[in-house]
Amino acid sequence: MQNRFRRGRGRHHGAVALPVGGPGGRYPAAMARMPEPPVPGGVPAADHGDGAPAAAWRAGDFVASLTAASPATVEAYRRDVEAFVDWVGRAGVQEPAGVHRRLLRRYLAFLATRGYARRTIARKASSLRRYFGWLRRTGVVDIDPSLGLSAPKGEGRLPRVLRDDELGVLLDRPPARVEGDEPAVRRRDDAVLELLYGAGLRVSEVCGLRPEDLDLERGVVRVWGKGSKQRQVPVGEPALDALRAYVRDGRPGLAGPESPDDAVFLNRRGRRLSPRDARRLLDHRAAAPTHPHALRHTFATHLLDGGADLRAVQELLGHADLATTQIYTHVSKERLRAVVEATHPRA
C-alpha cells in the first residue's frame, strides 16, 4: 500500500482538455456570535444595540490586507477579530485605542472559561497579534497592546496515520453502500481520494484544481497552496488512472449548463466541489470517521518510512518551514518503534 504513489509516470507533455458535457455543452466557495460575556474589569456595559462602530476598528481593511493568506486563513482571521471587537464593544470600548494588554489577557481568560481548547485560544491570540500589529503599522494606534501577549500553547498532537486496511477500504475495497452510487460520482470520489493520498494534496488544493493544472501525460499536477504559492506535484499511476477516468467519463455526467469551466471537480449539483463536499464523500467511503488531512499525513509518513529525504517531502507538501515537515519524522519513528515492539522477540 505504501508504494502506490511511486508507480511510473508518463513521459509526454500535454494539458488536459475536459470533454464537453451537460446541456449546452459548457462547464461554466456568519460569524458565530460568542455567548454573552461578563463585562471585563467591571467596566459598565455600553448600549450594544448597534455594536462598536465598525469603521473605527478597520477590520475589513485588515482582512483585505491578507493577500498572501489562503481563503480559509483569511476567514479565520476575520472571525477571530470580529469576535474580539464584539466582546470589547459590550464592555464599552469603541475603538482600538481603548484596548490595552490587560484587556487582551482578560479576553483570553474569558475564552478559557467558555471551554475553548488551548489550541483555539492560541490561534485567536495569534490573530489578535497580527491585527494589532497591522493597526500599529498603518498608524491607527500609537502603541501595539498585543506586544508580549502570550497564550497557552496548544496540546501537541501527532498526526493520525491510516492503517493499510483503512486505506484499502478507501481506495480499493469500498463498503457495500458505495455500490449504489452513480458511476460519475464513483469516478469522482476515486479521483479525489487518490489525489489526497497519492499526491498528499490538501483538500482545498484538490477542490481548487483547474483543467489547466492537470498534465496527465507527464503525471504532474500544478497546485496553488497556502499563500498562493505554486508547486508541481508528481502523481502515481493509480491516481492518474482515476483522474483520466473521471475527466473522460465522470465529469460530463455531473456537469450542467451553469457548471464552472475552471473547476475540475464538481458536486452532485454541478458546482465546484467544496472542502465540505470532500469531507462528506470521505465519510461515505471510509469504514470509520476520517478527516481528509489524515490521507495527507499518511502520504508524508509513508514517504519517510520508505527513506524519502525530508527536504523532498517538504517540497511535495508545500510547507514553507521545514519544522512543519519534521513532525512526520516523529510519527515515522513512532511507527517503526511500534513495529519492532510488536514483532521482535526481544524488543
Protein backbone atom coordinates (compact mmCIF):
# COMPACT_ATOMS: atom_id res chain seq x y z
CA MET A 1 0.00 0.00 0.00
CA GLN A 2 2.84 2.39 0.81
CA ASN A 3 4.20 2.27 -2.71
CA ARG A 4 1.05 3.12 -4.64
CA PHE A 5 2.16 6.68 -5.27
CA ARG A 6 5.60 5.64 -6.54
CA ARG A 7 4.48 3.93 -9.70
CA GLY A 8 5.70 5.10 -13.10
CA ARG A 9 4.55 8.27 -14.79
CA GLY A 10 4.05 9.26 -18.41
CA ARG A 11 6.73 10.93 -20.47
CA HIS A 12 4.93 13.37 -22.72
CA HIS A 13 3.65 16.88 -22.23
CA GLY A 14 0.08 17.92 -22.66
CA ALA A 15 -2.52 19.89 -20.77
CA VAL A 16 -5.88 18.34 -20.05
CA ALA A 17 -8.88 19.31 -22.16
CA LEU A 18 -12.15 18.43 -20.46
CA PRO A 19 -14.73 16.76 -22.67
CA VAL A 20 -17.83 18.79 -23.37
CA GLY A 21 -20.82 17.70 -21.33
CA GLY A 22 -24.14 18.73 -19.92
CA PRO A 23 -26.90 20.71 -21.61
CA GLY A 24 -25.47 23.47 -23.74
CA GLY A 25 -22.08 21.81 -23.88
CA ARG A 26 -20.34 24.13 -21.36
CA TYR A 27 -18.96 23.86 -17.87
CA PRO A 28 -19.32 27.10 -16.71
CA ALA A 29 -16.98 28.70 -2.43
CA ALA A 30 -21.81 34.36 9.86
CA MET A 31 -19.70 34.73 12.31
CA ALA A 32 -20.80 32.60 15.24
CA ARG A 33 -21.56 35.07 17.92
CA MET A 34 -19.94 34.38 21.24
CA PRO A 35 -22.12 33.76 24.28
CA GLU A 36 -22.97 36.85 26.26
CA PRO A 37 -19.69 37.61 28.08
CA PRO A 38 -19.20 39.07 31.52
CA VAL A 39 -18.11 42.69 31.39
CA PRO A 40 -14.30 42.70 31.79
CA GLY A 41 -12.84 44.52 34.74
CA GLY A 42 -16.18 45.79 35.97
CA VAL A 43 -16.47 48.34 33.16
CA PRO A 44 -20.11 49.36 32.72
CA ALA A 45 -21.51 47.80 29.58
CA ALA A 46 -22.45 50.20 26.82
CA ASP A 47 -25.68 50.01 24.91
CA HIS A 48 -24.76 47.34 22.36
CA GLY A 49 -27.71 47.81 20.08
CA ASP A 50 -25.55 48.76 17.11
CA GLY A 51 -22.24 47.38 18.44
CA ALA A 52 -18.90 49.17 18.29
CA PRO A 53 -18.51 51.44 15.25
CA ALA A 54 -17.18 49.21 12.52
CA ALA A 55 -15.24 51.96 10.77
CA ALA A 56 -13.11 52.66 13.83
CA TRP A 57 -11.83 49.10 14.02
CA ARG A 58 -10.83 48.80 10.33
CA ALA A 59 -11.43 45.06 10.46
CA GLY A 60 -12.43 44.92 6.80
CA ASP A 61 -9.27 46.75 5.75
CA PHE A 62 -7.18 44.37 7.85
CA VAL A 63 -8.77 41.33 6.23
CA ALA A 64 -8.25 42.85 2.78
CA SER A 65 -4.54 43.23 3.56
CA LEU A 66 -4.08 39.48 3.98
CA THR A 67 -3.36 38.93 0.31
CA ALA A 68 -0.80 36.17 0.86
CA ALA A 69 -3.03 34.04 3.10
CA SER A 70 -5.32 31.24 1.96
CA PRO A 71 -9.10 31.86 1.94
CA ALA A 72 -9.54 29.61 4.97
CA THR A 73 -6.87 31.53 6.91
CA VAL A 74 -8.39 34.87 5.95
CA GLU A 75 -11.79 33.67 7.14
CA ALA A 76 -10.30 32.53 10.46
CA TYR A 77 -8.68 35.94 11.00
CA ARG A 78 -11.96 37.66 10.17
CA ARG A 79 -13.93 35.58 12.65
CA ASP A 80 -11.33 36.00 15.39
CA VAL A 81 -11.10 39.77 15.03
CA GLU A 82 -14.85 40.28 14.77
CA ALA A 83 -15.45 38.12 17.84
CA PHE A 84 -12.99 40.23 19.83
CA VAL A 85 -14.49 43.51 18.58
CA ASP A 86 -17.93 42.26 19.59
CA TRP A 87 -16.66 41.33 23.05
CA VAL A 88 -14.91 44.61 23.82
CA GLY A 89 -17.84 46.53 22.36
CA ARG A 90 -20.01 45.03 25.07
CA ALA A 91 -17.54 46.47 27.57
CA GLY A 92 -17.92 49.97 26.18
CA VAL A 93 -14.66 50.04 24.19
CA GLN A 94 -15.47 51.70 20.88
CA GLU A 95 -12.08 51.95 19.15
CA PRO A 96 -8.73 50.16 19.02
CA ALA A 97 -7.01 52.90 21.01
CA GLY A 98 -9.09 51.87 24.01
CA VAL A 99 -7.61 48.36 24.08
CA HIS A 100 -4.73 47.62 26.45
CA ARG A 101 -2.79 44.46 27.13
CA ARG A 102 -4.70 43.70 30.33
CA LEU A 103 -7.95 43.72 28.35
CA LEU A 104 -6.49 41.32 25.82
CA ARG A 105 -5.40 38.99 28.61
CA ARG A 106 -8.89 39.13 30.14
CA TYR A 107 -10.33 38.21 26.78
CA LEU A 108 -8.13 35.12 26.55
CA ALA A 109 -9.09 34.21 30.11
CA PHE A 110 -12.76 34.60 29.18
CA LEU A 111 -12.28 32.20 26.25
CA ALA A 112 -10.79 29.66 28.65
CA THR A 113 -13.78 29.92 30.98
CA ARG A 114 -16.04 29.25 27.99
CA GLY A 115 -14.34 25.95 27.35
CA TYR A 116 -12.35 26.85 24.23
CA ALA A 117 -9.48 24.47 23.52
CA ARG A 118 -5.96 25.68 24.19
CA ARG A 119 -5.13 25.40 20.51
CA THR A 120 -8.09 27.60 19.63
CA ILE A 121 -7.14 30.23 22.21
CA ALA A 122 -3.55 30.21 20.92
CA ARG A 123 -4.83 30.75 17.38
CA LYS A 124 -7.06 33.62 18.45
CA ALA A 125 -4.16 35.25 20.30
CA SER A 126 -2.06 34.95 17.14
CA SER A 127 -4.86 36.59 15.13
CA LEU A 128 -5.04 39.50 17.56
CA ARG A 129 -1.24 39.97 17.50
CA ARG A 130 -1.31 40.20 13.73
CA TYR A 131 -4.33 42.51 13.75
CA PHE A 132 -2.91 44.98 16.27
CA GLY A 133 0.48 44.83 14.57
CA TRP A 134 -1.25 45.89 11.36
CA LEU A 135 -3.09 48.71 13.19
CA ARG A 136 0.24 49.95 14.53
CA ARG A 137 1.95 49.84 11.13
CA THR A 138 -0.92 51.70 9.47
CA GLY A 139 -0.99 54.40 12.15
CA VAL A 140 -4.41 53.58 13.58
CA VAL A 141 -2.89 53.09 17.05
CA ASP A 142 0.30 54.51 18.51
CA ILE A 143 1.09 51.50 20.69
CA ASP A 144 0.57 47.83 19.93
CA PRO A 145 -1.15 46.38 23.03
CA SER A 146 -0.57 42.81 21.83
CA LEU A 147 3.23 43.01 22.15
CA GLY A 148 4.26 40.25 24.53
CA LEU A 149 0.77 38.77 24.58
CA SER A 150 1.07 35.06 25.21
CA ALA A 151 -1.40 32.25 25.25
CA PRO A 152 -1.17 28.63 26.35
CA LYS A 153 0.36 26.54 23.61
CA GLY A 154 -1.90 24.02 22.02
CA GLU A 155 -1.61 20.43 23.06
CA GLY A 156 0.96 18.66 20.94
CA ARG A 157 -0.74 16.06 18.78
CA LEU A 158 0.93 13.73 16.31
CA PRO A 159 -0.92 13.37 13.02
CA ARG A 160 -3.04 10.27 12.65
CA VAL A 161 -1.77 7.84 10.03
CA LEU A 162 -4.22 5.45 8.41
CA ARG A 163 -3.62 1.73 8.65
CA ASP A 164 -3.23 -0.32 5.48
CA ASP A 165 -6.64 -1.89 5.94
CA GLU A 166 -8.22 1.58 6.26
CA LEU A 167 -6.52 2.70 3.06
CA GLY A 168 -7.70 -0.48 1.38
CA VAL A 169 -11.32 0.30 2.18
CA LEU A 170 -10.98 3.85 0.90
CA LEU A 171 -9.08 3.16 -2.29
CA ASP A 172 -9.63 -0.46 -3.32
CA ARG A 173 -12.43 -2.11 -1.35
CA PRO A 174 -15.15 0.47 -0.61
CA PRO A 175 -18.08 -0.55 1.57
CA ALA A 176 -21.18 -2.08 0.01
CA ARG A 177 -23.14 1.18 0.25
CA VAL A 178 -20.89 2.67 -2.44
CA GLU A 179 -22.26 0.18 -4.99
CA GLY A 180 -25.40 2.29 -5.27
CA ASP A 181 -23.54 5.46 -6.25
CA GLU A 182 -23.90 6.88 -9.73
CA PRO A 183 -20.91 5.98 -11.96
CA ALA A 184 -19.95 9.65 -12.32
CA VAL A 185 -19.94 10.14 -8.54
CA ARG A 186 -17.94 6.94 -8.04
CA ARG A 187 -15.28 8.05 -10.54
CA ARG A 188 -15.07 11.50 -8.95
CA ASP A 189 -14.67 10.07 -5.46
CA ASP A 190 -11.99 7.66 -6.67
CA ALA A 191 -10.01 10.53 -8.20
CA VAL A 192 -10.35 12.80 -5.15
CA LEU A 193 -9.23 10.10 -2.72
CA GLU A 194 -6.32 9.05 -4.90
CA LEU A 195 -5.08 12.65 -5.04
CA LEU A 196 -5.41 13.13 -1.29
CA TYR A 197 -3.28 10.06 -0.62
CA GLY A 198 -1.28 9.57 -3.82
CA ALA A 199 -0.14 13.20 -4.07
CA GLY A 200 -0.59 14.41 -0.49
CA LEU A 201 -2.68 17.41 -1.52
CA ARG A 202 -4.66 19.49 0.92
CA VAL A 203 -8.41 19.13 0.44
CA SER A 204 -8.63 22.83 -0.50
CA GLU A 205 -5.98 22.25 -3.17
CA VAL A 206 -7.90 19.33 -4.65
CA CYS A 207 -11.13 21.34 -4.73
CA GLY A 208 -9.34 24.29 -6.33
CA LEU A 209 -7.81 22.36 -9.24
CA ARG A 210 -8.44 23.75 -12.73
CA PRO A 211 -8.23 21.82 -16.01
CA GLU A 212 -5.00 23.58 -16.96
CA ASP A 213 -3.43 22.41 -13.69
CA LEU A 214 -3.57 18.76 -14.82
CA ASP A 215 -0.80 17.37 -17.01
CA LEU A 216 -1.75 13.73 -17.17
CA GLU A 217 0.79 12.94 -19.87
CA ARG A 218 3.68 13.93 -17.62
CA GLY A 219 1.94 12.71 -14.48
CA VAL A 220 2.07 16.10 -12.77
CA VAL A 221 -0.48 18.41 -11.18
CA ARG A 222 0.11 22.10 -10.57
CA VAL A 223 -1.13 23.13 -7.15
CA TRP A 224 -1.85 26.52 -5.65
CA GLY A 225 -1.19 26.13 -1.95
CA LYS A 226 -1.23 28.40 1.07
CA GLY A 227 -0.25 31.97 0.38
CA SER A 228 -0.97 31.43 -3.34
CA LYS A 229 2.31 29.55 -3.64
CA GLN A 230 2.53 27.31 -6.67
CA ARG A 231 4.18 23.90 -6.79
CA GLN A 232 4.19 20.92 -9.11
CA VAL A 233 3.48 17.52 -7.59
CA PRO A 234 4.12 14.16 -9.30
CA VAL A 235 1.16 11.79 -9.36
CA GLY A 236 1.40 7.99 -9.37
CA GLU A 237 -0.34 5.68 -11.82
CA PRO A 238 -3.36 4.80 -9.63
CA ALA A 239 -4.20 8.48 -9.24
CA LEU A 240 -3.55 9.15 -12.93
CA ASP A 241 -5.85 6.30 -13.95
CA ALA A 242 -8.57 7.61 -11.63
CA LEU A 243 -8.16 11.15 -12.96
CA ARG A 244 -8.34 10.02 -16.58
CA ALA A 245 -11.49 8.02 -15.91
CA TYR A 246 -13.11 10.95 -14.11
CA VAL A 247 -12.20 13.54 -16.75
CA ARG A 248 -13.35 11.26 -19.56
CA ASP A 249 -16.46 9.64 -18.10
CA GLY A 250 -17.24 11.19 -14.72
CA ARG A 251 -17.23 14.95 -15.03
CA PRO A 252 -19.55 15.12 -18.06
CA GLY A 253 -22.15 13.24 -16.02
CA LEU A 254 -22.00 15.83 -13.23
CA ALA A 255 -21.74 18.99 -15.33
CA GLY A 256 -24.71 21.22 -16.06
CA PRO A 257 -25.28 24.36 -18.10
CA GLU A 258 -24.05 26.60 -15.27
CA SER A 259 -21.15 24.45 -14.08
CA PRO A 260 -17.87 26.39 -13.77
CA ASP A 261 -15.49 25.55 -16.60
CA ASP A 262 -12.49 26.34 -14.38
CA ALA A 263 -13.27 23.57 -11.86
CA VAL A 264 -12.04 20.02 -12.29
CA PHE A 265 -14.16 18.51 -9.53
CA LEU A 266 -17.91 19.07 -9.32
CA ASN A 267 -20.50 18.12 -6.75
CA ARG A 268 -23.84 16.48 -7.48
CA ARG A 269 -25.38 19.87 -8.26
CA GLY A 270 -22.79 20.59 -10.91
CA ARG A 271 -20.99 23.21 -8.84
CA ARG A 272 -17.36 23.29 -7.77
CA LEU A 273 -16.65 20.63 -5.17
CA SER A 274 -16.15 22.27 -1.77
CA PRO A 275 -14.00 21.01 1.13
CA ARG A 276 -17.24 20.19 2.95
CA ASP A 277 -18.34 18.08 -0.03
CA ALA A 278 -14.99 16.30 0.07
CA ARG A 279 -15.38 15.52 3.76
CA ARG A 280 -18.83 14.08 3.09
CA LEU A 281 -17.58 11.81 0.33
CA LEU A 282 -14.78 10.62 2.60
CA ASP A 283 -17.27 9.82 5.35
CA HIS A 284 -19.28 7.91 2.76
CA ARG A 285 -16.31 5.82 1.69
CA ALA A 286 -14.47 5.30 4.98
CA ALA A 287 -15.11 2.43 7.37
CA ALA A 288 -14.67 4.85 10.32
CA PRO A 289 -14.78 8.68 10.60
CA THR A 290 -11.70 10.01 8.79
CA HIS A 291 -10.57 13.56 8.12
CA PRO A 292 -9.20 14.34 4.64
CA HIS A 293 -5.97 15.60 6.18
CA ALA A 294 -5.30 12.10 7.53
CA LEU A 295 -4.63 10.99 3.94
CA ARG A 296 -2.05 13.76 3.56
CA HIS A 297 -0.46 12.73 6.86
CA THR A 298 -0.33 9.15 5.66
CA PHE A 299 1.25 10.18 2.36
CA ALA A 300 4.06 12.03 4.14
CA THR A 301 4.66 9.29 6.70
CA HIS A 302 4.81 6.55 4.09
CA LEU A 303 7.36 8.57 2.13
CA LEU A 304 9.60 8.92 5.17
CA ASP A 305 9.09 5.27 6.09
CA GLY A 306 10.39 4.44 2.61
CA GLY A 307 13.52 6.56 3.05
CA ALA A 308 12.50 9.79 1.31
CA ASP A 309 14.57 12.89 2.05
CA LEU A 310 12.90 15.30 4.47
CA ARG A 311 13.53 18.26 2.16
CA ALA A 312 11.86 16.43 -0.71
CA VAL A 313 8.82 15.71 1.44
CA GLN A 314 8.72 19.39 2.46
CA GLU A 315 8.62 20.41 -1.20
CA LEU A 316 5.94 17.88 -2.07
CA LEU A 317 3.73 19.02 0.81
CA GLY A 318 4.30 22.71 0.10
CA HIS A 319 5.49 23.52 3.63
CA ALA A 320 7.20 26.90 3.95
CA ASP A 321 9.04 25.82 7.09
CA LEU A 322 10.96 22.57 7.42
CA ALA A 323 9.95 22.41 11.08
CA THR A 324 6.37 21.80 9.96
CA THR A 325 7.50 18.75 8.00
CA GLN A 326 9.68 17.43 10.82
CA ILE A 327 6.64 16.35 12.82
CA TYR A 328 6.31 13.46 10.37
CA THR A 329 9.76 12.20 11.33
CA HIS A 330 8.41 11.73 14.87
CA VAL A 331 5.39 9.88 13.50
CA SER A 332 7.60 7.67 11.35
CA LYS A 333 9.87 6.81 14.28
CA GLU A 334 6.90 6.01 16.50
CA ARG A 335 5.51 3.70 13.81
CA LEU A 336 8.83 1.91 13.41
CA ARG A 337 9.18 1.53 17.18
CA ALA A 338 5.69 0.05 17.37
CA VAL A 339 6.52 -2.43 14.60
CA VAL A 340 9.69 -3.53 16.39
CA GLU A 341 7.92 -3.94 19.73
CA ALA A 342 5.11 -5.91 18.13
CA THR A 343 7.25 -8.25 16.04
CA HIS A 344 10.73 -8.66 17.54
CA PRO A 345 11.02 -11.41 20.19
CA ARG A 346 13.48 -9.44 22.31
CA ALA A 347 12.02 -5.96 21.87
